[in-house]
Amino acid sequence: MATIEEFEALDIRIGTVRDAQPFPEARKPSIRLWIDFGAEIGVKQSSAQITVHYRPDTLIGRQVLAVVNFPPRRIAGFVSEVLTLGAPDAEGAVVLLRPDFAVPDGGRMF
């Protein structure tokens, strides 16, 4: 069981995808994302294994949820600064998590 303190240590925020590009250098099929988390956090990069359901051009303007306080990871020369969140569909492909309604970028999940 996780404690409320452990949950509160995760900084999960809403951001809007400002750019998305194919990432053919990645070992697993991925898309590079640039996500705007508002004035406090700014634009952060993420590598996301979401190619089954998404094309880069369909992601621009979409709001997503991401963990913004994990250490950056280098993936095939690209620095992934945040962990974009999703859940598996029936076949295990990633479906992005997003709010039902537009909310301000940078809003913290609680």
C-alpha atoms as a PDB file:
ATOM      1  CA  MET A   1       0.000   0.000   0.000  1.00  0.00           C
ATOM      2  CA  ALA A   2       1.231   3.471  -0.887  1.00  0.00           C
ATOM      3  CA  THR A   3       0.931   6.308   1.564  1.00  0.00           C
ATOM      4  CA  ILE A   4      -0.658   9.668   0.776  1.00  0.00           C
ATOM      5  CA  GLU A   5       2.801  11.205   1.221  1.00  0.00           C
ATOM      6  CA  GLU A   6       4.204   8.930  -1.519  1.00  0.00           C
ATOM      7  CA  PHE A   7       1.353   9.896  -3.840  1.00  0.00           C
ATOM      8  CA  GLU A   8       1.840  13.589  -3.111  1.00  0.00           C
ATOM      9  CA  ALA A   9       5.548  13.249  -3.983  1.00  0.00           C
ATOM     10  CA  LEU A  10       4.535  12.650  -7.624  1.00  0.00           C
ATOM     11  CA  ASP A  11       4.048  15.907  -9.505  1.00  0.00           C
ATOM     12  CA  ILE A  12       1.517  15.051 -12.231  1.00  0.00           C
ATOM     13  CA  ARG A  13       0.513  17.983 -14.408  1.00  0.00           C
ATOM     14  CA  ILE A  14      -1.646  18.816 -17.415  1.00  0.00           C
ATOM     15  CA  GLY A  15       0.131  20.064 -20.507  1.00  0.00           C
ATOM     16  CA  THR A  16      -0.646  20.749 -24.160  1.00  0.00           C
ATOM     17  CA  VAL A  17       1.364  19.101 -26.923  1.00  0.00           C
ATOM     18  CA  ARG A  18       2.956  21.935 -28.934  1.00  0.00           C
ATOM     19  CA  ASP A  19       5.016  19.757 -31.309  1.00  0.00           C
ATOM     20  CA  ALA A  20       5.277  16.053 -32.095  1.00  0.00           C
ATOM     21  CA  GLN A  21       7.796  14.341 -34.353  1.00  0.00           C
ATOM     22  CA  PRO A  22       8.508  10.746 -35.375  1.00  0.00           C
ATOM     23  CA  PHE A  23      11.361   9.163 -33.430  1.00  0.00           C
ATOM     24  CA  PRO A  24      12.855   6.502 -35.719  1.00  0.00           C
ATOM     25  CA  GLU A  25      16.108   6.361 -33.697  1.00  0.00           C
ATOM     26  CA  ALA A  26      14.325   4.904 -30.649  1.00  0.00           C
ATOM     27  CA  ARG A  27      14.643   1.155 -30.078  1.00  0.00           C
ATOM     28  CA  LYS A  28      10.845   0.804 -29.738  1.00  0.00           C
ATOM     29  CA  PRO A  29       8.500   2.795 -32.021  1.00  0.00           C
ATOM     30  CA  SER A  30       8.044   6.193 -30.404  1.00  0.00           C
ATOM     31  CA  ILE A  31       7.069   9.814 -30.931  1.00  0.00           C
ATOM     32  CA  ARG A  32       8.986  12.822 -29.580  1.00  0.00           C
ATOM     33  CA  LEU A  33       6.675  15.294 -27.839  1.00  0.00           C
ATOM     34  CA  TRP A  34       7.167  18.897 -26.733  1.00  0.00           C
ATOM     35  CA  ILE A  35       4.566  19.597 -24.049  1.00  0.00           C
ATOM     36  CA  ASP A  36       3.715  23.052 -22.655  1.00  0.00           C
ATOM     37  CA  PHE A  37       3.063  22.959 -18.903  1.00  0.00           C
ATOM     38  CA  GLY A  38       2.460  26.696 -18.518  1.00  0.00           C
ATOM     39  CA  ALA A  39       4.613  29.531 -17.197  1.00  0.00           C
ATOM     40  CA  GLU A  40       5.807  27.815 -14.003  1.00  0.00           C
ATOM     41  CA  ILE A  41       7.268  24.697 -15.697  1.00  0.00           C
ATOM     42  CA  GLY A  42       7.501  25.649 -19.371  1.00  0.00           C
ATOM     43  CA  VAL A  43       7.865  23.321 -22.346  1.00  0.00           C
ATOM     44  CA  LYS A  44       9.312  19.874 -21.629  1.00  0.00           C
ATOM     45  CA  GLN A  45      10.287  17.017 -23.938  1.00  0.00           C
ATOM     46  CA  SER A  46       8.990  13.457 -23.759  1.00  0.00           C
ATOM     47  CA  SER A  47       9.562  10.269 -25.710  1.00  0.00           C
ATOM     48  CA  ALA A  48       6.330   8.266 -25.836  1.00  0.00           C
ATOM     49  CA  GLN A  49       5.675   4.761 -27.200  1.00  0.00           C
ATOM     50  CA  ILE A  50       2.277   5.695 -28.617  1.00  0.00           C
ATOM     51  CA  THR A  51       2.594   4.911 -32.334  1.00  0.00           C
ATOM     52  CA  VAL A  52      -0.218   2.319 -32.466  1.00  0.00           C
ATOM     53  CA  HIS A  53      -3.027   4.845 -31.891  1.00  0.00           C
ATOM     54  CA  TYR A  54      -1.395   8.206 -32.652  1.00  0.00           C
ATOM     55  CA  ARG A  55       0.386  10.010 -35.465  1.00  0.00           C
ATOM     56  CA  PRO A  56       2.474  13.078 -34.655  1.00  0.00           C
ATOM     57  CA  ASP A  57       0.163  15.454 -36.547  1.00  0.00           C
ATOM     58  CA  THR A  58      -2.883  14.303 -34.534  1.00  0.00           C
ATOM     59  CA  LEU A  59      -1.233  15.073 -31.188  1.00  0.00           C
ATOM     60  CA  ILE A  60      -0.593  18.803 -31.576  1.00  0.00           C
ATOM     61  CA  GLY A  61      -3.035  20.739 -29.373  1.00  0.00           C
ATOM     62  CA  ARG A  62      -4.009  17.672 -27.315  1.00  0.00           C
ATOM     63  CA  GLN A  63      -3.840  17.952 -23.546  1.00  0.00           C
ATOM     64  CA  VAL A  64      -2.056  15.127 -21.733  1.00  0.00           C
ATOM     65  CA  LEU A  65      -1.036  14.164 -18.216  1.00  0.00           C
ATOM     66  CA  ALA A  66       2.633  13.716 -17.324  1.00  0.00           C
ATOM     67  CA  VAL A  67       4.874  13.210 -14.311  1.00  0.00           C
ATOM     68  CA  VAL A  68       7.113  16.283 -14.326  1.00  0.00           C
ATOM     69  CA  ASN A  69       9.419  15.524 -11.377  1.00  0.00           C
ATOM     70  CA  PHE A  70      11.225  12.351 -12.487  1.00  0.00           C
ATOM     71  CA  PRO A  71      14.883  12.703 -13.488  1.00  0.00           C
ATOM     72  CA  PRO A  72      15.456  13.147 -17.254  1.00  0.00           C
ATOM     73  CA  ARG A  73      16.302  10.044 -19.311  1.00  0.00           C
ATOM     74  CA  ARG A  74      18.382   9.959 -22.478  1.00  0.00           C
ATOM     75  CA  ILE A  75      16.732   7.845 -25.167  1.00  0.00           C
ATOM     76  CA  ALA A  76      18.669   7.436 -28.426  1.00  0.00           C
ATOM     77  CA  GLY A  77      20.262  10.860 -27.945  1.00  0.00           C
ATOM     78  CA  PHE A  78      16.973  12.588 -27.017  1.00  0.00           C
ATOM     79  CA  VAL A  79      16.461  13.875 -23.471  1.00  0.00           C
ATOM     80  CA  SER A  80      13.036  12.827 -22.204  1.00  0.00           C
ATOM     81  CA  GLU A  81      12.254  15.212 -19.333  1.00  0.00           C
ATOM     82  CA  VAL A  82       8.751  14.065 -18.349  1.00  0.00           C
ATOM     83  CA  LEU A  83       6.828  10.781 -18.317  1.00  0.00           C
ATOM     84  CA  THR A  84       3.680  11.107 -20.427  1.00  0.00           C
ATOM     85  CA  LEU A  85       0.943   8.932 -18.914  1.00  0.00           C
ATOM     86  CA  GLY A  86      -1.255   6.377 -20.615  1.00  0.00           C
ATOM     87  CA  ALA A  87      -3.075   3.122 -20.036  1.00  0.00           C
ATOM     88  CA  PRO A  88      -3.047  -0.080 -22.105  1.00  0.00           C
ATOM     89  CA  ASP A  89      -5.910  -0.949 -24.424  1.00  0.00           C
ATOM     90  CA  ALA A  90      -7.114  -4.576 -24.733  1.00  0.00           C
ATOM     91  CA  GLU A  91      -4.053  -5.455 -26.856  1.00  0.00           C
ATOM     92  CA  GLY A  92      -1.562  -3.580 -24.655  1.00  0.00           C
ATOM     93  CA  ALA A  93      -1.099  -0.492 -26.866  1.00  0.00           C
ATOM     94  CA  VAL A  94      -0.871   2.837 -25.037  1.00  0.00           C
ATOM     95  CA  VAL A  95      -3.890   5.151 -24.870  1.00  0.00           C
ATOM     96  CA  LEU A  96      -2.988   8.603 -23.560  1.00  0.00           C
ATOM     97  CA  LEU A  97      -4.621   9.955 -20.402  1.00  0.00           C
ATOM     98  CA  ARG A  98      -6.224  13.361 -20.761  1.00  0.00           C
ATOM     99  CA  PRO A  99      -8.884  15.511 -19.083  1.00  0.00           C
ATOM    100  CA  ASP A 100     -12.490  15.407 -20.280  1.00  0.00           C
ATOM    101  CA  PHE A 101     -12.557  19.212 -20.519  1.00  0.00           C
ATOM    102  CA  ALA A 102      -9.868  21.795 -21.297  1.00  0.00           C
ATOM    103  CA  VAL A 103      -8.020  22.921 -18.191  1.00  0.00           C
ATOM    104  CA  PRO A 104      -5.156  25.408 -17.716  1.00  0.00           C
ATOM    105  CA  ASP A 105      -1.720  24.074 -18.640  1.00  0.00           C
ATOM    106  CA  GLY A 106       0.337  23.298 -15.567  1.00  0.00           C
ATOM    107  CA  GLY A 107      -2.630  22.277 -13.428  1.00  0.00           C
ATOM    108  CA  ARG A 108      -1.585  19.681 -10.862  1.00  0.00           C
ATOM    109  CA  MET A 109      -3.483  16.405 -10.638  1.00  0.00           C
ATOM    110  CA  PHE A 110      -4.925  15.631  -7.209  1.00  0.00           C
END
